[in-house]
Amino acid sequence: MDSLPTPAVVRCYVDRHFQPPLPAMRLRWDPNAPGSGERLWYLPEDVCLTGAAPEHFGVTIQRREADSYAVRLLWNRTCLSWANLTRVQLLTSALTPLLRALGTDLWYLLDQPISAEFTLPSEAA
């Protein structure tokens, strides 16, 4: 299922379990709405979570190269971090419908400029 209902954002906060801290949201999903109940949530690199839609959620996506993204994810009590994901890995994950339900277009996030803090020199000095 690639469609989720729009959740209510109960509050926004900063999760300090990540370093640097991660902006996050407390979400409330309609338990009777299709798609928000118990299911498998497929994430990049063969990570699969089982359960209802997340009640605590936060994500940062930083573009490192043309097709390389550093991603940090809070999913309830689970904190995940990937240093090098591709566009396809992100677009085919559960992040696409989840972000869409929150009113965020994943394509827009992926087309951001390459982050200067992650740019590596092309040649050794």
C-alpha atoms as a PDB file:
ATOM      1  CA  MET A   1       0.000   0.000   0.000  1.00  0.00           C
ATOM      2  CA  ASP A   2       1.511   3.300  -1.008  1.00  0.00           C
ATOM      3  CA  SER A   3      -1.182   5.598   0.365  1.00  0.00           C
ATOM      4  CA  LEU A   4      -1.526   6.725   3.956  1.00  0.00           C
ATOM      5  CA  PRO A   5      -4.008   9.036   5.681  1.00  0.00           C
ATOM      6  CA  THR A   6      -2.807  12.415   6.866  1.00  0.00           C
ATOM      7  CA  PRO A   7      -1.843  12.218  10.544  1.00  0.00           C
ATOM      8  CA  ALA A   8      -2.389  14.920  13.130  1.00  0.00           C
ATOM      9  CA  VAL A   9       0.884  16.485  14.258  1.00  0.00           C
ATOM     10  CA  VAL A  10       0.547  16.523  18.039  1.00  0.00           C
ATOM     11  CA  ARG A  11       3.818  18.315  18.660  1.00  0.00           C
ATOM     12  CA  CYS A  12       7.234  19.033  17.182  1.00  0.00           C
ATOM     13  CA  TYR A  13      10.365  18.534  19.236  1.00  0.00           C
ATOM     14  CA  VAL A  14      14.086  17.801  19.022  1.00  0.00           C
ATOM     15  CA  ASP A  15      15.186  14.231  19.688  1.00  0.00           C
ATOM     16  CA  ARG A  16      18.496  14.391  21.521  1.00  0.00           C
ATOM     17  CA  HIS A  17      19.295  10.671  21.107  1.00  0.00           C
ATOM     18  CA  PHE A  18      20.876  11.642  17.772  1.00  0.00           C
ATOM     19  CA  GLN A  19      24.043  13.684  17.521  1.00  0.00           C
ATOM     20  CA  PRO A  20      23.494  16.236  16.212  1.00  0.00           C
ATOM     21  CA  PRO A  21      19.920  16.314  17.555  1.00  0.00           C
ATOM     22  CA  LEU A  22      17.153  15.448  15.084  1.00  0.00           C
ATOM     23  CA  PRO A  23      13.960  17.468  14.561  1.00  0.00           C
ATOM     24  CA  ALA A  24      11.012  15.124  15.136  1.00  0.00           C
ATOM     25  CA  MET A  25       7.232  15.003  15.411  1.00  0.00           C
ATOM     26  CA  ARG A  26       4.722  13.224  17.590  1.00  0.00           C
ATOM     27  CA  LEU A  27       2.004  11.969  15.235  1.00  0.00           C
ATOM     28  CA  ARG A  28      -1.523  10.731  15.798  1.00  0.00           C
ATOM     29  CA  TRP A  29      -2.954   8.466  13.100  1.00  0.00           C
ATOM     30  CA  ASP A  30      -6.617   7.588  12.723  1.00  0.00           C
ATOM     31  CA  PRO A  31      -6.600   3.909  13.789  1.00  0.00           C
ATOM     32  CA  ASN A  32      -9.561   3.187  11.489  1.00  0.00           C
ATOM     33  CA  ALA A  33      -8.012   4.775   8.383  1.00  0.00           C
ATOM     34  CA  PRO A  34      -6.695   2.388   5.721  1.00  0.00           C
ATOM     35  CA  GLY A  35      -2.914   2.076   5.673  1.00  0.00           C
ATOM     36  CA  SER A  36      -2.053   3.283   9.161  1.00  0.00           C
ATOM     37  CA  GLY A  37      -2.532  -0.065  10.903  1.00  0.00           C
ATOM     38  CA  GLU A  38      -0.179  -2.963  11.464  1.00  0.00           C
ATOM     39  CA  ARG A  39       1.984  -3.734   8.429  1.00  0.00           C
ATOM     40  CA  LEU A  40       5.526  -4.205   7.170  1.00  0.00           C
ATOM     41  CA  TRP A  41       7.474  -1.001   6.532  1.00  0.00           C
ATOM     42  CA  TYR A  42      10.353  -1.522   4.103  1.00  0.00           C
ATOM     43  CA  LEU A  43      13.317   0.778   4.563  1.00  0.00           C
ATOM     44  CA  PRO A  44      16.668   0.975   2.726  1.00  0.00           C
ATOM     45  CA  GLU A  45      19.290  -1.773   2.953  1.00  0.00           C
ATOM     46  CA  ASP A  46      16.791  -4.532   3.744  1.00  0.00           C
ATOM     47  CA  VAL A  47      15.597  -2.981   7.014  1.00  0.00           C
ATOM     48  CA  CYS A  48      11.990  -3.937   7.681  1.00  0.00           C
ATOM     49  CA  LEU A  49       9.922  -2.715  10.620  1.00  0.00           C
ATOM     50  CA  THR A  50       6.645  -4.283  11.700  1.00  0.00           C
ATOM     51  CA  GLY A  51       3.864  -2.315  13.312  1.00  0.00           C
ATOM     52  CA  ALA A  52       1.516   0.587  12.889  1.00  0.00           C
ATOM     53  CA  ALA A  53       2.508   3.909  11.345  1.00  0.00           C
ATOM     54  CA  PRO A  54       5.099   5.679  13.531  1.00  0.00           C
ATOM     55  CA  GLU A  55       3.915   7.894  16.371  1.00  0.00           C
ATOM     56  CA  HIS A  56       7.366   9.476  16.742  1.00  0.00           C
ATOM     57  CA  PHE A  57       8.980  10.361  13.429  1.00  0.00           C
ATOM     58  CA  GLY A  58      11.882  12.449  12.227  1.00  0.00           C
ATOM     59  CA  VAL A  59      14.101  12.344   9.163  1.00  0.00           C
ATOM     60  CA  THR A  60      16.970  14.329   7.705  1.00  0.00           C
ATOM     61  CA  ILE A  61      18.261  13.759   4.206  1.00  0.00           C
ATOM     62  CA  GLN A  62      21.511  15.387   3.111  1.00  0.00           C
ATOM     63  CA  ARG A  63      22.730  15.080  -0.445  1.00  0.00           C
ATOM     64  CA  ARG A  64      26.421  14.160  -0.541  1.00  0.00           C
ATOM     65  CA  GLU A  65      26.938  13.578  -4.277  1.00  0.00           C
ATOM     66  CA  ALA A  66      24.802  13.362  -7.427  1.00  0.00           C
ATOM     67  CA  ASP A  67      23.215  10.081  -6.235  1.00  0.00           C
ATOM     68  CA  SER A  68      24.369   9.728  -2.631  1.00  0.00           C
ATOM     69  CA  TYR A  69      22.420  10.729   0.465  1.00  0.00           C
ATOM     70  CA  ALA A  70      23.139  10.636   4.184  1.00  0.00           C
ATOM     71  CA  VAL A  71      19.906   9.837   6.028  1.00  0.00           C
ATOM     72  CA  ARG A  72      18.999   9.870   9.708  1.00  0.00           C
ATOM     73  CA  LEU A  73      15.648   8.443  10.754  1.00  0.00           C
ATOM     74  CA  LEU A  74      13.673   8.290  13.982  1.00  0.00           C
ATOM     75  CA  TRP A  75      10.856   5.739  13.873  1.00  0.00           C
ATOM     76  CA  ASN A  76       9.222   5.490  17.299  1.00  0.00           C
ATOM     77  CA  ARG A  77      12.063   4.277  19.547  1.00  0.00           C
ATOM     78  CA  THR A  78      14.274   3.134  16.664  1.00  0.00           C
ATOM     79  CA  CYS A  79      17.056   5.426  15.472  1.00  0.00           C
ATOM     80  CA  LEU A  80      18.642   4.593  12.123  1.00  0.00           C
ATOM     81  CA  SER A  81      21.430   6.252  10.193  1.00  0.00           C
ATOM     82  CA  TRP A  82      22.754   5.597   6.685  1.00  0.00           C
ATOM     83  CA  ALA A  83      25.846   7.302   5.286  1.00  0.00           C
ATOM     84  CA  ASN A  84      25.361   6.473   1.613  1.00  0.00           C
ATOM     85  CA  LEU A  85      21.941   5.717   0.106  1.00  0.00           C
ATOM     86  CA  THR A  86      20.906   6.114  -3.500  1.00  0.00           C
ATOM     87  CA  ARG A  87      17.852   7.901  -4.848  1.00  0.00           C
ATOM     88  CA  VAL A  88      16.271   4.573  -5.837  1.00  0.00           C
ATOM     89  CA  GLN A  89      16.771   3.124  -2.346  1.00  0.00           C
ATOM     90  CA  LEU A  90      14.931   6.092  -0.849  1.00  0.00           C
ATOM     91  CA  LEU A  91      12.149   6.326  -3.436  1.00  0.00           C
ATOM     92  CA  THR A  92      11.310   2.619  -3.137  1.00  0.00           C
ATOM     93  CA  SER A  93      11.178   2.712   0.663  1.00  0.00           C
ATOM     94  CA  ALA A  94       8.309   3.352   3.075  1.00  0.00           C
ATOM     95  CA  LEU A  95       9.585   6.922   3.392  1.00  0.00           C
ATOM     96  CA  THR A  96       7.840   7.906   0.148  1.00  0.00           C
ATOM     97  CA  PRO A  97       4.216   7.320   1.267  1.00  0.00           C
ATOM     98  CA  LEU A  98       4.968   8.427   4.827  1.00  0.00           C
ATOM     99  CA  LEU A  99       6.424  11.766   3.765  1.00  0.00           C
ATOM    100  CA  ARG A 100       3.596  12.202   1.232  1.00  0.00           C
ATOM    101  CA  ALA A 101       1.072  11.766   4.079  1.00  0.00           C
ATOM    102  CA  LEU A 102       2.917  14.512   5.946  1.00  0.00           C
ATOM    103  CA  GLY A 103       2.719  16.809   2.918  1.00  0.00           C
ATOM    104  CA  THR A 104       6.374  16.494   1.930  1.00  0.00           C
ATOM    105  CA  ASP A 105       7.535  15.487  -1.532  1.00  0.00           C
ATOM    106  CA  LEU A 106      10.541  13.136  -1.302  1.00  0.00           C
ATOM    107  CA  TRP A 107      11.595  14.111  -4.862  1.00  0.00           C
ATOM    108  CA  TYR A 108      11.944  17.695  -3.653  1.00  0.00           C
ATOM    109  CA  LEU A 109      14.185  16.618  -0.760  1.00  0.00           C
ATOM    110  CA  LEU A 110      16.343  14.525  -3.085  1.00  0.00           C
ATOM    111  CA  ASP A 111      16.896  17.390  -5.533  1.00  0.00           C
ATOM    112  CA  GLN A 112      18.527  19.634  -2.943  1.00  0.00           C
ATOM    113  CA  PRO A 113      22.024  21.012  -3.655  1.00  0.00           C
ATOM    114  CA  ILE A 114      24.995  18.894  -2.638  1.00  0.00           C
ATOM    115  CA  SER A 115      25.891  19.688   0.971  1.00  0.00           C
ATOM    116  CA  ALA A 116      29.262  21.424   1.252  1.00  0.00           C
ATOM    117  CA  GLU A 117      30.005  19.778   4.590  1.00  0.00           C
ATOM    118  CA  PHE A 118      29.998  16.325   2.938  1.00  0.00           C
ATOM    119  CA  THR A 119      31.897  17.244  -0.229  1.00  0.00           C
ATOM    120  CA  LEU A 120      35.190  15.393  -0.402  1.00  0.00           C
ATOM    121  CA  PRO A 121      38.224  16.592  -2.372  1.00  0.00           C
ATOM    122  CA  SER A 122      38.506  14.905  -5.763  1.00  0.00           C
ATOM    123  CA  GLU A 123      42.302  14.535  -5.521  1.00  0.00           C
ATOM    124  CA  ALA A 124      44.754  13.970  -2.708  1.00  0.00           C
ATOM    125  CA  ALA A 125      47.055  16.895  -1.900  1.00  0.00           C
END
